[in-house]
Amino acid sequence: MAKLDGNPYENLANAIIINACNDYRNALKKIKRNPNNKDALSEALELERFFHSPWYGTLTTIDGDFIIRKLRAEIADGR
């Protein structure tokens, strides 16, 4: 787990993003095991919309597509 020091608002923003990354990673794992899992597909699409949303842009300057690519690569590599 990431260490959260300093600004409480920044800590909250980081926690939201970390949670979204963990949820996206889990959804991708479910899709990898069962490509027809509609719930996992829906969750992954919802999280991709979050990574492209103005709200996400308010929380961080990290490119949402970068996060999506990294997590997809992680799951594809079996990590």
PDB file of N, CA and C in Angstrom:
ATOM      1  N   MET A   1       0.840  -1.168   0.000  1.00  0.00           N
ATOM      2  CA  MET A   1       0.000   0.000   0.000  1.00  0.00           C
ATOM      3  C   MET A   1       0.888   1.235   0.000  1.00  0.00           C
ATOM      4  N   ALA A   2       0.465   2.246  -0.746  1.00  0.00           N
ATOM      5  CA  ALA A   2       1.220   3.484  -0.835  1.00  0.00           C
ATOM      6  C   ALA A   2       1.175   4.233   0.490  1.00  0.00           C
ATOM      7  N   LYS A   3       2.289   4.849   0.808  1.00  0.00           N
ATOM      8  CA  LYS A   3       2.349   5.656   2.023  1.00  0.00           C
ATOM      9  C   LYS A   3       1.739   7.019   1.716  1.00  0.00           C
ATOM     10  N   LEU A   4       0.815   7.439   2.544  1.00  0.00           N
ATOM     11  CA  LEU A   4       0.119   8.698   2.322  1.00  0.00           C
ATOM     12  C   LEU A   4       0.526   9.702   3.393  1.00  0.00           C
ATOM     13  N   ASP A   5       1.376  10.639   3.004  1.00  0.00           N
ATOM     14  CA  ASP A   5       1.811  11.707   3.895  1.00  0.00           C
ATOM     15  C   ASP A   5       1.416  13.041   3.277  1.00  0.00           C
ATOM     16  N   GLY A   6       1.448  14.080   4.078  1.00  0.00           N
ATOM     17  CA  GLY A   6       1.270  15.411   3.535  1.00  0.00           C
ATOM     18  C   GLY A   6      -0.171  15.851   3.419  1.00  0.00           C
ATOM     19  N   ASN A   7      -0.485  16.445   2.292  1.00  0.00           N
ATOM     20  CA  ASN A   7      -1.775  17.064   2.030  1.00  0.00           C
ATOM     21  C   ASN A   7      -2.901  16.031   2.046  1.00  0.00           C
ATOM     22  N   PRO A   8      -3.886  16.210   2.919  1.00  0.00           N
ATOM     23  CA  PRO A   8      -4.972  15.227   2.993  1.00  0.00           C
ATOM     24  C   PRO A   8      -5.801  15.142   1.712  1.00  0.00           C
ATOM     25  N   TYR A   9      -5.938  16.250   0.994  1.00  0.00           N
ATOM     26  CA  TYR A   9      -6.692  16.223  -0.261  1.00  0.00           C
ATOM     27  C   TYR A   9      -5.941  15.443  -1.333  1.00  0.00           C
ATOM     28  N   GLU A  10      -4.633  15.622  -1.367  1.00  0.00           N
ATOM     29  CA  GLU A  10      -3.808  14.853  -2.301  1.00  0.00           C
ATOM     30  C   GLU A  10      -3.847  13.370  -1.932  1.00  0.00           C
ATOM     31  N   ASN A  11      -3.818  13.079  -0.636  1.00  0.00           N
ATOM     32  CA  ASN A  11      -3.910  11.687  -0.181  1.00  0.00           C
ATOM     33  C   ASN A  11      -5.224  11.054  -0.624  1.00  0.00           C
ATOM     34  N   LEU A  12      -6.306  11.804  -0.498  1.00  0.00           N
ATOM     35  CA  LEU A  12      -7.613  11.300  -0.915  1.00  0.00           C
ATOM     36  C   LEU A  12      -7.633  11.060  -2.422  1.00  0.00           C
ATOM     37  N   ALA A  13      -7.118  11.996  -3.197  1.00  0.00           N
ATOM     38  CA  ALA A  13      -7.063  11.840  -4.653  1.00  0.00           C
ATOM     39  C   ALA A  13      -6.251  10.599  -5.016  1.00  0.00           C
ATOM     40  N   ASN A  14      -5.108  10.431  -4.374  1.00  0.00           N
ATOM     41  CA  ASN A  14      -4.265   9.261  -4.645  1.00  0.00           C
ATOM     42  C   ASN A  14      -4.978   7.964  -4.279  1.00  0.00           C
ATOM     43  N   ALA A  15      -5.682   7.969  -3.158  1.00  0.00           N
ATOM     44  CA  ALA A  15      -6.403   6.771  -2.726  1.00  0.00           C
ATOM     45  C   ALA A  15      -7.513   6.411  -3.727  1.00  0.00           C
ATOM     46  N   ILE A  16      -8.195   7.414  -4.259  1.00  0.00           N
ATOM     47  CA  ILE A  16      -9.246   7.174  -5.249  1.00  0.00           C
ATOM     48  C   ILE A  16      -8.648   6.532  -6.494  1.00  0.00           C
ATOM     49  N   ILE A  17      -7.527   7.061  -6.943  1.00  0.00           N
ATOM     50  CA  ILE A  17      -6.887   6.537  -8.158  1.00  0.00           C
ATOM     51  C   ILE A  17      -6.340   5.137  -7.923  1.00  0.00           C
ATOM     52  N   ILE A  18      -5.722   4.909  -6.788  1.00  0.00           N
ATOM     53  CA  ILE A  18      -5.209   3.576  -6.460  1.00  0.00           C
ATOM     54  C   ILE A  18      -6.345   2.562  -6.431  1.00  0.00           C
ATOM     55  N   ASN A  19      -7.458   2.935  -5.839  1.00  0.00           N
ATOM     56  CA  ASN A  19      -8.610   2.045  -5.781  1.00  0.00           C
ATOM     57  C   ASN A  19      -9.132   1.739  -7.188  1.00  0.00           C
ATOM     58  N   ALA A  20      -9.214   2.761  -8.030  1.00  0.00           N
ATOM     59  CA  ALA A  20      -9.670   2.555  -9.411  1.00  0.00           C
ATOM     60  C   ALA A  20      -8.713   1.635 -10.163  1.00  0.00           C
ATOM     61  N   CYS A  21      -7.423   1.792  -9.958  1.00  0.00           N
ATOM     62  CA  CYS A  21      -6.433   0.915 -10.605  1.00  0.00           C
ATOM     63  C   CYS A  21      -6.608  -0.529 -10.141  1.00  0.00           C
ATOM     64  N   ASN A  22      -6.784  -0.723  -8.849  1.00  0.00           N
ATOM     65  CA  ASN A  22      -6.985  -2.079  -8.320  1.00  0.00           C
ATOM     66  C   ASN A  22      -8.264  -2.701  -8.868  1.00  0.00           C
ATOM     67  N   ASP A  23      -9.334  -1.905  -8.939  1.00  0.00           N
ATOM     68  CA  ASP A  23     -10.594  -2.410  -9.484  1.00  0.00           C
ATOM     69  C   ASP A  23     -10.453  -2.750 -10.961  1.00  0.00           C
ATOM     70  N   TYR A  24      -9.755  -1.903 -11.716  1.00  0.00           N
ATOM     71  CA  TYR A  24      -9.553  -2.158 -13.147  1.00  0.00           C
ATOM     72  C   TYR A  24      -8.714  -3.419 -13.352  1.00  0.00           C
ATOM     73  N   ARG A  25      -7.651  -3.547 -12.569  1.00  0.00           N
ATOM     74  CA  ARG A  25      -6.798  -4.739 -12.635  1.00  0.00           C
ATOM     75  C   ARG A  25      -7.622  -6.004 -12.373  1.00  0.00           C
ATOM     76  N   ASN A  26      -8.464  -5.975 -11.348  1.00  0.00           N
ATOM     77  CA  ASN A  26      -9.297  -7.139 -11.023  1.00  0.00           C
ATOM     78  C   ASN A  26     -10.294  -7.442 -12.133  1.00  0.00           C
ATOM     79  N   ALA A  27     -10.891  -6.408 -12.714  1.00  0.00           N
ATOM     80  CA  ALA A  27     -11.828  -6.612 -13.822  1.00  0.00           C
ATOM     81  C   ALA A  27     -11.109  -7.243 -15.014  1.00  0.00           C
ATOM     82  N   LEU A  28      -9.899  -6.761 -15.315  1.00  0.00           N
ATOM     83  CA  LEU A  28      -9.138  -7.328 -16.431  1.00  0.00           C
ATOM     84  C   LEU A  28      -8.787  -8.799 -16.190  1.00  0.00           C
ATOM     85  N   LYS A  29      -8.459  -9.133 -14.960  1.00  0.00           N
ATOM     86  CA  LYS A  29      -8.163 -10.535 -14.633  1.00  0.00           C
ATOM     87  C   LYS A  29      -9.389 -11.408 -14.859  1.00  0.00           C
ATOM     88  N   LYS A  30     -10.552 -10.919 -14.452  1.00  0.00           N
ATOM     89  CA  LYS A  30     -11.796 -11.675 -14.653  1.00  0.00           C
ATOM     90  C   LYS A  30     -12.080 -11.846 -16.144  1.00  0.00           C
ATOM     91  N   ILE A  31     -11.844 -10.803 -16.926  1.00  0.00           N
ATOM     92  CA  ILE A  31     -12.060 -10.871 -18.371  1.00  0.00           C
ATOM     93  C   ILE A  31     -11.085 -11.856 -19.005  1.00  0.00           C
ATOM     94  N   LYS A  32      -9.861 -11.866 -18.517  1.00  0.00           N
ATOM     95  CA  LYS A  32      -8.861 -12.796 -19.063  1.00  0.00           C
ATOM     96  C   LYS A  32      -9.290 -14.244 -18.817  1.00  0.00           C
ATOM     97  N   ARG A  33      -9.844 -14.513 -17.628  1.00  0.00           N
ATOM     98  CA  ARG A  33     -10.307 -15.866 -17.307  1.00  0.00           C
ATOM     99  C   ARG A  33     -11.578 -16.232 -18.062  1.00  0.00           C
ATOM    100  N   ASN A  34     -12.456 -15.238 -18.242  1.00  0.00           N
ATOM    101  CA  ASN A  34     -13.737 -15.480 -18.909  1.00  0.00           C
ATOM    102  C   ASN A  34     -14.089 -14.252 -19.745  1.00  0.00           C
ATOM    103  N   PRO A  35     -13.716 -14.247 -21.037  1.00  0.00           N
ATOM    104  CA  PRO A  35     -13.967 -13.084 -21.891  1.00  0.00           C
ATOM    105  C   PRO A  35     -15.451 -12.715 -22.040  1.00  0.00           C
ATOM    106  N   ASN A  36     -16.345 -13.610 -21.680  1.00  0.00           N
ATOM    107  CA  ASN A  36     -17.782 -13.340 -21.793  1.00  0.00           C
ATOM    108  C   ASN A  36     -18.396 -12.832 -20.487  1.00  0.00           C
ATOM    109  N   ASN A  37     -17.571 -12.529 -19.499  1.00  0.00           N
ATOM    110  CA  ASN A  37     -18.060 -12.043 -18.214  1.00  0.00           C
ATOM    111  C   ASN A  37     -18.569 -10.605 -18.383  1.00  0.00           C
ATOM    112  N   LYS A  38     -19.889 -10.477 -18.532  1.00  0.00           N
ATOM    113  CA  LYS A  38     -20.496  -9.167 -18.812  1.00  0.00           C
ATOM    114  C   LYS A  38     -20.303  -8.177 -17.669  1.00  0.00           C
ATOM    115  N   ASP A  39     -20.336  -8.660 -16.434  1.00  0.00           N
ATOM    116  CA  ASP A  39     -20.142  -7.762 -15.292  1.00  0.00           C
ATOM    117  C   ASP A  39     -18.730  -7.176 -15.300  1.00  0.00           C
ATOM    118  N   ALA A  40     -17.744  -8.029 -15.555  1.00  0.00           N
ATOM    119  CA  ALA A  40     -16.357  -7.567 -15.587  1.00  0.00           C
ATOM    120  C   ALA A  40     -16.124  -6.622 -16.763  1.00  0.00           C
ATOM    121  N   LEU A  41     -16.709  -6.934 -17.908  1.00  0.00           N
ATOM    122  CA  LEU A  41     -16.587  -6.057 -19.077  1.00  0.00           C
ATOM    123  C   LEU A  41     -17.203  -4.691 -18.782  1.00  0.00           C
ATOM    124  N   SER A  42     -18.356  -4.693 -18.167  1.00  0.00           N
ATOM    125  CA  SER A  42     -19.034  -3.448 -17.823  1.00  0.00           C
ATOM    126  C   SER A  42     -18.206  -2.632 -16.827  1.00  0.00           C
ATOM    127  N   GLU A  43     -17.653  -3.307 -15.833  1.00  0.00           N
ATOM    128  CA  GLU A  43     -16.826  -2.615 -14.839  1.00  0.00           C
ATOM    129  C   GLU A  43     -15.581  -2.021 -15.484  1.00  0.00           C
ATOM    130  N   ALA A  44     -14.933  -2.792 -16.363  1.00  0.00           N
ATOM    131  CA  ALA A  44     -13.729  -2.296 -17.030  1.00  0.00           C
ATOM    132  C   ALA A  44     -14.052  -1.061 -17.874  1.00  0.00           C
ATOM    133  N   LEU A  45     -15.154  -1.094 -18.604  1.00  0.00           N
ATOM    134  CA  LEU A  45     -15.541   0.053 -19.431  1.00  0.00           C
ATOM    135  C   LEU A  45     -15.871   1.269 -18.567  1.00  0.00           C
ATOM    136  N   GLU A  46     -16.543   1.034 -17.459  1.00  0.00           N
ATOM    137  CA  GLU A  46     -16.864   2.128 -16.541  1.00  0.00           C
ATOM    138  C   GLU A  46     -15.585   2.770 -15.994  1.00  0.00           C
ATOM    139  N   LEU A  47     -14.613   1.950 -15.648  1.00  0.00           N
ATOM    140  CA  LEU A  47     -13.351   2.472 -15.125  1.00  0.00           C
ATOM    141  C   LEU A  47     -12.556   3.187 -16.215  1.00  0.00           C
ATOM    142  N   GLU A  48     -12.617   2.706 -17.453  1.00  0.00           N
ATOM    143  CA  GLU A  48     -11.951   3.408 -18.548  1.00  0.00           C
ATOM    144  C   GLU A  48     -12.582   4.788 -18.744  1.00  0.00           C
ATOM    145  N   ARG A  49     -13.899   4.873 -18.617  1.00  0.00           N
ATOM    146  CA  ARG A  49     -14.558   6.181 -18.697  1.00  0.00           C
ATOM    147  C   ARG A  49     -14.057   7.090 -17.569  1.00  0.00           C
ATOM    148  N   PHE A  50     -13.886   6.523 -16.367  1.00  0.00           N
ATOM    149  CA  PHE A  50     -13.347   7.306 -15.252  1.00  0.00           C
ATOM    150  C   PHE A  50     -11.957   7.837 -15.586  1.00  0.00           C
ATOM    151  N   PHE A  51     -11.075   6.982 -16.150  1.00  0.00           N
ATOM    152  CA  PHE A  51      -9.709   7.397 -16.466  1.00  0.00           C
ATOM    153  C   PHE A  51      -9.664   8.474 -17.557  1.00  0.00           C
ATOM    154  N   HIS A  52     -10.758   8.648 -18.281  1.00  0.00           N
ATOM    155  CA  HIS A  52     -10.847   9.687 -19.310  1.00  0.00           C
ATOM    156  C   HIS A  52     -11.722  10.867 -18.890  1.00  0.00           C
ATOM    157  N   SER A  53     -12.204  10.855 -17.672  1.00  0.00           N
ATOM    158  CA  SER A  53     -13.182  11.849 -17.234  1.00  0.00           C
ATOM    159  C   SER A  53     -12.522  13.139 -16.729  1.00  0.00           C
ATOM    160  N   PRO A  54     -13.293  14.217 -16.754  1.00  0.00           N
ATOM    161  CA  PRO A  54     -12.795  15.457 -16.152  1.00  0.00           C
ATOM    162  C   PRO A  54     -12.490  15.288 -14.650  1.00  0.00           C
ATOM    163  N   TRP A  55     -13.277  14.459 -13.959  1.00  0.00           N
ATOM    164  CA  TRP A  55     -13.046  14.205 -12.536  1.00  0.00           C
ATOM    165  C   TRP A  55     -11.661  13.611 -12.331  1.00  0.00           C
ATOM    166  N   TYR A  56     -11.290  12.626 -13.164  1.00  0.00           N
ATOM    167  CA  TYR A  56      -9.957  12.029 -13.076  1.00  0.00           C
ATOM    168  C   TYR A  56      -8.898  13.113 -13.298  1.00  0.00           C
ATOM    169  N   GLY A  57      -9.129  13.969 -14.300  1.00  0.00           N
ATOM    170  CA  GLY A  57      -8.187  15.044 -14.590  1.00  0.00           C
ATOM    171  C   GLY A  57      -8.051  16.037 -13.452  1.00  0.00           C
ATOM    172  N   THR A  58      -9.076  16.163 -12.643  1.00  0.00           N
ATOM    173  CA  THR A  58      -9.021  17.020 -11.459  1.00  0.00           C
ATOM    174  C   THR A  58      -8.157  16.383 -10.377  1.00  0.00           C
ATOM    175  N   LEU A  59      -8.175  15.060 -10.322  1.00  0.00           N
ATOM    176  CA  LEU A  59      -7.451  14.337  -9.272  1.00  0.00           C
ATOM    177  C   LEU A  59      -5.960  14.224  -9.537  1.00  0.00           C
ATOM    178  N   THR A  60      -5.569  14.171 -10.828  1.00  0.00           N
ATOM    179  CA  THR A  60      -4.169  13.911 -11.156  1.00  0.00           C
ATOM    180  C   THR A  60      -3.816  14.442 -12.531  1.00  0.00           C
ATOM    181  N   THR A  61      -2.519  14.577 -12.766  1.00  0.00           N
ATOM    182  CA  THR A  61      -2.037  14.951 -14.096  1.00  0.00           C
ATOM    183  C   THR A  61      -1.542  13.730 -14.871  1.00  0.00           C
ATOM    184  N   ILE A  62      -1.602  12.548 -14.275  1.00  0.00           N
ATOM    185  CA  ILE A  62      -1.160  11.318 -14.946  1.00  0.00           C
ATOM    186  C   ILE A  62      -2.158  10.968 -16.040  1.00  0.00           C
ATOM    187  N   ASP A  63      -1.660  10.744 -17.236  1.00  0.00           N
ATOM    188  CA  ASP A  63      -2.501  10.420 -18.379  1.00  0.00           C
ATOM    189  C   ASP A  63      -3.268   9.125 -18.138  1.00  0.00           C
ATOM    190  N   GLY A  64      -4.590   9.178 -18.280  1.00  0.00           N
ATOM    191  CA  GLY A  64      -5.427   8.001 -18.063  1.00  0.00           C
ATOM    192  C   GLY A  64      -5.106   6.868 -19.020  1.00  0.00           C
ATOM    193  N   ASP A  65      -4.777   7.207 -20.270  1.00  0.00           N
ATOM    194  CA  ASP A  65      -4.417   6.170 -21.235  1.00  0.00           C
ATOM    195  C   ASP A  65      -3.136   5.446 -20.825  1.00  0.00           C
ATOM    196  N   PHE A  66      -2.221   6.173 -20.210  1.00  0.00           N
ATOM    197  CA  PHE A  66      -0.997   5.562 -19.705  1.00  0.00           C
ATOM    198  C   PHE A  66      -1.331   4.503 -18.656  1.00  0.00           C
ATOM    199  N   ILE A  67      -2.218   4.844 -17.726  1.00  0.00           N
ATOM    200  CA  ILE A  67      -2.630   3.896 -16.681  1.00  0.00           C
ATOM    201  C   ILE A  67      -3.275   2.670 -17.312  1.00  0.00           C
ATOM    202  N   ILE A  68      -4.192   2.890 -18.247  1.00  0.00           N
ATOM    203  CA  ILE A  68      -4.886   1.783 -18.910  1.00  0.00           C
ATOM    204  C   ILE A  68      -3.888   0.879 -19.620  1.00  0.00           C
ATOM    205  N   ARG A  69      -2.969   1.455 -20.382  1.00  0.00           N
ATOM    206  CA  ARG A  69      -1.961   0.649 -21.105  1.00  0.00           C
ATOM    207  C   ARG A  69      -1.104  -0.163 -20.144  1.00  0.00           C
ATOM    208  N   LYS A  70      -0.647   0.463 -19.067  1.00  0.00           N
ATOM    209  CA  LYS A  70       0.215  -0.224 -18.103  1.00  0.00           C
ATOM    210  C   LYS A  70      -0.511  -1.391 -17.433  1.00  0.00           C
ATOM    211  N   LEU A  71      -1.760  -1.172 -17.032  1.00  0.00           N
ATOM    212  CA  LEU A  71      -2.500  -2.243 -16.365  1.00  0.00           C
ATOM    213  C   LEU A  71      -2.835  -3.372 -17.338  1.00  0.00           C
ATOM    214  N   ARG A  72      -3.186  -3.029 -18.570  1.00  0.00           N
ATOM    215  CA  ARG A  72      -3.438  -4.080 -19.579  1.00  0.00           C
ATOM    216  C   ARG A  72      -2.183  -4.905 -19.829  1.00  0.00           C
ATOM    217  N   ALA A  73      -1.037  -4.234 -19.935  1.00  0.00           N
ATOM    218  CA  ALA A  73       0.234  -4.931 -20.162  1.00  0.00           C
ATOM    219  C   ALA A  73       0.564  -5.830 -18.972  1.00  0.00           C
ATOM    220  N   GLU A  74       0.321  -5.353 -17.776  1.00  0.00           N
ATOM    221  CA  GLU A  74       0.579  -6.125 -16.561  1.00  0.00           C
ATOM    222  C   GLU A  74      -0.231  -7.428 -16.579  1.00  0.00           C
ATOM    223  N   ILE A  75      -1.495  -7.342 -16.922  1.00  0.00           N
ATOM    224  CA  ILE A  75      -2.356  -8.529 -16.940  1.00  0.00           C
ATOM    225  C   ILE A  75      -1.974  -9.436 -18.097  1.00  0.00           C
ATOM    226  N   ALA A  76      -1.645  -8.867 -19.242  1.00  0.00           N
ATOM    227  CA  ALA A  76      -1.242  -9.675 -20.407  1.00  0.00           C
ATOM    228  C   ALA A  76       0.031 -10.467 -20.108  1.00  0.00           C
ATOM    229  N   ASP A  77       0.924  -9.865 -19.308  1.00  0.00           N
ATOM    230  CA  ASP A  77       2.184 -10.530 -18.936  1.00  0.00           C
ATOM    231  C   ASP A  77       1.999 -11.548 -17.818  1.00  0.00           C
ATOM    232  N   GLY A  78       0.778 -11.648 -17.293  1.00  0.00           N
ATOM    233  CA  GLY A  78       0.512 -12.620 -16.252  1.00  0.00           C
ATOM    234  C   GLY A  78       0.885 -12.179 -14.851  1.00  0.00           C
ATOM    235  N   ARG A  79       1.067 -10.903 -14.649  1.00  0.00           N
ATOM    236  CA  ARG A  79       1.413 -10.402 -13.304  1.00  0.00           C
ATOM    237  C   ARG A  79       0.186 -10.128 -12.496  1.00  0.00           C
TER     238      ARG A  79
END
